[in-house]
Amino acid sequence: FEHYGDASLWNFLFPGSDQPPIPRGVTHGDELIYLFSTGVFNLNDEDWEVARIMSNLWANFVIYGNPTALEFPVTGVPTWPLWQDQDKQYLTIDSSPEVHNDYLLTWESPDIYNNP
């Protein structure tokens, strides 16, 4: 999960904080805002798109054992590859999901996959 919107548990628990704990990142539990809308946060259109994507991926995993099951494709989401140690592919979950290689590369260069 890599969507950083205004709705964040960090912002909710520590209002007025100038900096999130992880620059350009999300905090533990932020995905729950998008899975279980409680009305506490005002989600914008992009946030609702992330909620749609995430809830469909999770439901597919529960029903079919595969987040990107052929039986119920999620619009705009590429096939989520099985983890293989040689290429370390993973799916970024945000408003435009993409498959990337080797998440560890983002620790040293967080913007490695962002388009300039």
C-alpha atoms as a PDB file:
ATOM      1  CA  PHE A   1       0.000   0.000   0.000  1.00  0.00           C
ATOM      2  CA  GLU A   2       1.655   3.224  -1.114  1.00  0.00           C
ATOM      3  CA  HIS A   3      -1.159   5.763  -1.411  1.00  0.00           C
ATOM      4  CA  TYR A   4      -0.416   8.827   0.690  1.00  0.00           C
ATOM      5  CA  GLY A   5      -3.559  10.906   0.915  1.00  0.00           C
ATOM      6  CA  ASP A   6      -4.702  13.492   3.419  1.00  0.00           C
ATOM      7  CA  ALA A   7      -6.525  10.726   5.300  1.00  0.00           C
ATOM      8  CA  SER A   8      -3.835   9.252   7.522  1.00  0.00           C
ATOM      9  CA  LEU A   9      -3.922   7.739  10.980  1.00  0.00           C
ATOM     10  CA  TRP A  10      -0.792   9.760  11.778  1.00  0.00           C
ATOM     11  CA  ASN A  11      -2.579  13.011  10.887  1.00  0.00           C
ATOM     12  CA  PHE A  12      -5.632  11.903  12.890  1.00  0.00           C
ATOM     13  CA  LEU A  13      -3.723  10.849  16.014  1.00  0.00           C
ATOM     14  CA  PHE A  14      -1.253  13.742  15.943  1.00  0.00           C
ATOM     15  CA  PRO A  15      -3.102  16.744  14.481  1.00  0.00           C
ATOM     16  CA  GLY A  16      -0.912  19.684  13.588  1.00  0.00           C
ATOM     17  CA  SER A  17       2.233  17.593  13.173  1.00  0.00           C
ATOM     18  CA  ASP A  18       4.336  19.122  10.426  1.00  0.00           C
ATOM     19  CA  GLN A  19       5.994  15.935   9.256  1.00  0.00           C
ATOM     20  CA  PRO A  20       4.706  12.380   8.893  1.00  0.00           C
ATOM     21  CA  PRO A  21       6.935   9.724  10.470  1.00  0.00           C
ATOM     22  CA  ILE A  22       7.917   8.392   7.035  1.00  0.00           C
ATOM     23  CA  PRO A  23       8.604  11.004   4.333  1.00  0.00           C
ATOM     24  CA  ARG A  24       6.221  10.540   1.373  1.00  0.00           C
ATOM     25  CA  GLY A  25       4.999   7.362   2.959  1.00  0.00           C
ATOM     26  CA  VAL A  26       2.080   5.878   4.794  1.00  0.00           C
ATOM     27  CA  THR A  27       1.881   4.728   8.387  1.00  0.00           C
ATOM     28  CA  HIS A  28       0.947   1.321   9.716  1.00  0.00           C
ATOM     29  CA  GLY A  29      -2.807   0.924   9.538  1.00  0.00           C
ATOM     30  CA  ASP A  30      -3.499   3.623   6.917  1.00  0.00           C
ATOM     31  CA  GLU A  31      -4.861   0.949   4.582  1.00  0.00           C
ATOM     32  CA  LEU A  32      -7.722   0.365   7.034  1.00  0.00           C
ATOM     33  CA  ILE A  33      -9.093   3.843   6.251  1.00  0.00           C
ATOM     34  CA  TYR A  34      -9.620   2.716   2.671  1.00  0.00           C
ATOM     35  CA  LEU A  35     -11.009  -0.717   3.512  1.00  0.00           C
ATOM     36  CA  PHE A  36     -13.466   0.299   6.214  1.00  0.00           C
ATOM     37  CA  SER A  37     -14.922   3.745   5.588  1.00  0.00           C
ATOM     38  CA  THR A  38     -16.287   5.033   8.882  1.00  0.00           C
ATOM     39  CA  GLY A  39     -17.003   8.629   7.938  1.00  0.00           C
ATOM     40  CA  VAL A  40     -14.241   9.911  10.225  1.00  0.00           C
ATOM     41  CA  PHE A  41     -12.132  10.980   7.249  1.00  0.00           C
ATOM     42  CA  ASN A  42     -13.221  13.040   4.257  1.00  0.00           C
ATOM     43  CA  LEU A  43     -12.025  10.972   1.313  1.00  0.00           C
ATOM     44  CA  ASN A  44     -11.576  12.639  -2.067  1.00  0.00           C
ATOM     45  CA  ASP A  45     -12.166  10.992  -5.454  1.00  0.00           C
ATOM     46  CA  GLU A  46      -8.635   9.580  -5.618  1.00  0.00           C
ATOM     47  CA  ASP A  47      -9.009   8.113  -2.121  1.00  0.00           C
ATOM     48  CA  TRP A  48     -12.284   6.429  -3.137  1.00  0.00           C
ATOM     49  CA  GLU A  49     -10.555   4.946  -6.190  1.00  0.00           C
ATOM     50  CA  VAL A  50      -7.847   3.492  -3.936  1.00  0.00           C
ATOM     51  CA  ALA A  51     -10.602   2.134  -1.657  1.00  0.00           C
ATOM     52  CA  ARG A  52     -12.309   0.486  -4.651  1.00  0.00           C
ATOM     53  CA  ILE A  53      -9.070  -1.101  -5.835  1.00  0.00           C
ATOM     54  CA  MET A  54      -8.028  -2.331  -2.406  1.00  0.00           C
ATOM     55  CA  SER A  55     -11.389  -3.745  -1.362  1.00  0.00           C
ATOM     56  CA  ASN A  56     -11.691  -5.628  -4.666  1.00  0.00           C
ATOM     57  CA  LEU A  57      -8.145  -7.012  -4.375  1.00  0.00           C
ATOM     58  CA  TRP A  58      -8.803  -8.195  -0.814  1.00  0.00           C
ATOM     59  CA  ALA A  59     -12.197  -9.690  -1.726  1.00  0.00           C
ATOM     60  CA  ASN A  60     -10.661 -11.520  -4.692  1.00  0.00           C
ATOM     61  CA  PHE A  61      -7.985 -12.953  -2.439  1.00  0.00           C
ATOM     62  CA  VAL A  62     -10.601 -14.195   0.036  1.00  0.00           C
ATOM     63  CA  ILE A  63     -12.868 -15.677  -2.635  1.00  0.00           C
ATOM     64  CA  TYR A  64     -10.390 -16.946  -5.241  1.00  0.00           C
ATOM     65  CA  GLY A  65      -7.055 -17.088  -3.401  1.00  0.00           C
ATOM     66  CA  ASN A  66      -5.674 -14.565  -5.911  1.00  0.00           C
ATOM     67  CA  PRO A  67      -6.012 -10.747  -5.613  1.00  0.00           C
ATOM     68  CA  THR A  68      -6.053 -10.347  -9.405  1.00  0.00           C
ATOM     69  CA  ALA A  69      -8.214 -13.363 -10.210  1.00  0.00           C
ATOM     70  CA  LEU A  70      -9.360 -13.841 -13.801  1.00  0.00           C
ATOM     71  CA  GLU A  71     -12.879 -14.502 -12.512  1.00  0.00           C
ATOM     72  CA  PHE A  72     -13.224 -10.890 -11.281  1.00  0.00           C
ATOM     73  CA  PRO A  73     -10.633  -8.567 -12.841  1.00  0.00           C
ATOM     74  CA  VAL A  74     -10.079  -5.236 -11.114  1.00  0.00           C
ATOM     75  CA  THR A  75     -10.080  -2.387 -13.641  1.00  0.00           C
ATOM     76  CA  GLY A  76      -6.712  -0.650 -13.904  1.00  0.00           C
ATOM     77  CA  VAL A  77      -4.795  -3.264 -11.920  1.00  0.00           C
ATOM     78  CA  PRO A  78      -2.129  -5.438 -13.575  1.00  0.00           C
ATOM     79  CA  THR A  79      -1.774  -9.106 -12.666  1.00  0.00           C
ATOM     80  CA  TRP A  80      -0.195  -9.375  -9.234  1.00  0.00           C
ATOM     81  CA  PRO A  81       2.714 -11.795  -9.766  1.00  0.00           C
ATOM     82  CA  LEU A  82       3.636 -14.511  -7.327  1.00  0.00           C
ATOM     83  CA  TRP A  83       6.727 -13.628  -5.290  1.00  0.00           C
ATOM     84  CA  GLN A  84       9.911 -15.062  -6.779  1.00  0.00           C
ATOM     85  CA  ASP A  85      13.221 -14.444  -5.070  1.00  0.00           C
ATOM     86  CA  GLN A  86      15.064 -13.849  -8.360  1.00  0.00           C
ATOM     87  CA  ASP A  87      13.001 -10.812  -9.471  1.00  0.00           C
ATOM     88  CA  LYS A  88      11.207  -9.811  -6.221  1.00  0.00           C
ATOM     89  CA  GLN A  89       8.168  -8.417  -8.058  1.00  0.00           C
ATOM     90  CA  TYR A  90       5.539  -6.626  -6.007  1.00  0.00           C
ATOM     91  CA  LEU A  91       2.425  -4.551  -6.674  1.00  0.00           C
ATOM     92  CA  THR A  92       2.223  -0.933  -5.549  1.00  0.00           C
ATOM     93  CA  ILE A  93      -1.313  -0.256  -4.378  1.00  0.00           C
ATOM     94  CA  ASP A  94      -2.297   3.317  -5.067  1.00  0.00           C
ATOM     95  CA  SER A  95      -4.557   5.099  -7.577  1.00  0.00           C
ATOM     96  CA  SER A  96      -2.461   3.705 -10.466  1.00  0.00           C
ATOM     97  CA  PRO A  97      -1.192   0.280  -9.365  1.00  0.00           C
ATOM     98  CA  GLU A  98       1.991  -0.987 -11.006  1.00  0.00           C
ATOM     99  CA  VAL A  99       4.253  -4.012 -10.728  1.00  0.00           C
ATOM    100  CA  HIS A 100       7.843  -3.221  -9.772  1.00  0.00           C
ATOM    101  CA  ASN A 101      10.954  -5.220  -8.910  1.00  0.00           C
ATOM    102  CA  ASP A 102      12.849  -5.371  -5.619  1.00  0.00           C
ATOM    103  CA  TYR A 103      11.120  -3.226  -2.994  1.00  0.00           C
ATOM    104  CA  LEU A 104      14.413  -2.859  -1.127  1.00  0.00           C
ATOM    105  CA  LEU A 105      15.580  -0.461  -3.845  1.00  0.00           C
ATOM    106  CA  THR A 106      12.931   2.031  -2.661  1.00  0.00           C
ATOM    107  CA  TRP A 107      14.475   2.168   0.797  1.00  0.00           C
ATOM    108  CA  GLU A 108      17.594   3.855  -0.570  1.00  0.00           C
ATOM    109  CA  SER A 109      15.848   5.777  -3.370  1.00  0.00           C
ATOM    110  CA  PRO A 110      12.150   6.295  -2.506  1.00  0.00           C
ATOM    111  CA  ASP A 111      11.453   7.982  -5.845  1.00  0.00           C
ATOM    112  CA  ILE A 112      13.122   5.303  -7.981  1.00  0.00           C
ATOM    113  CA  TYR A 113       9.874   4.397  -9.764  1.00  0.00           C
ATOM    114  CA  ASN A 114       8.324   7.872  -9.935  1.00  0.00           C
ATOM    115  CA  ASN A 115       8.197   9.508 -13.328  1.00  0.00           C
ATOM    116  CA  PRO A 116      10.122  12.798 -13.465  1.00  0.00           C
END
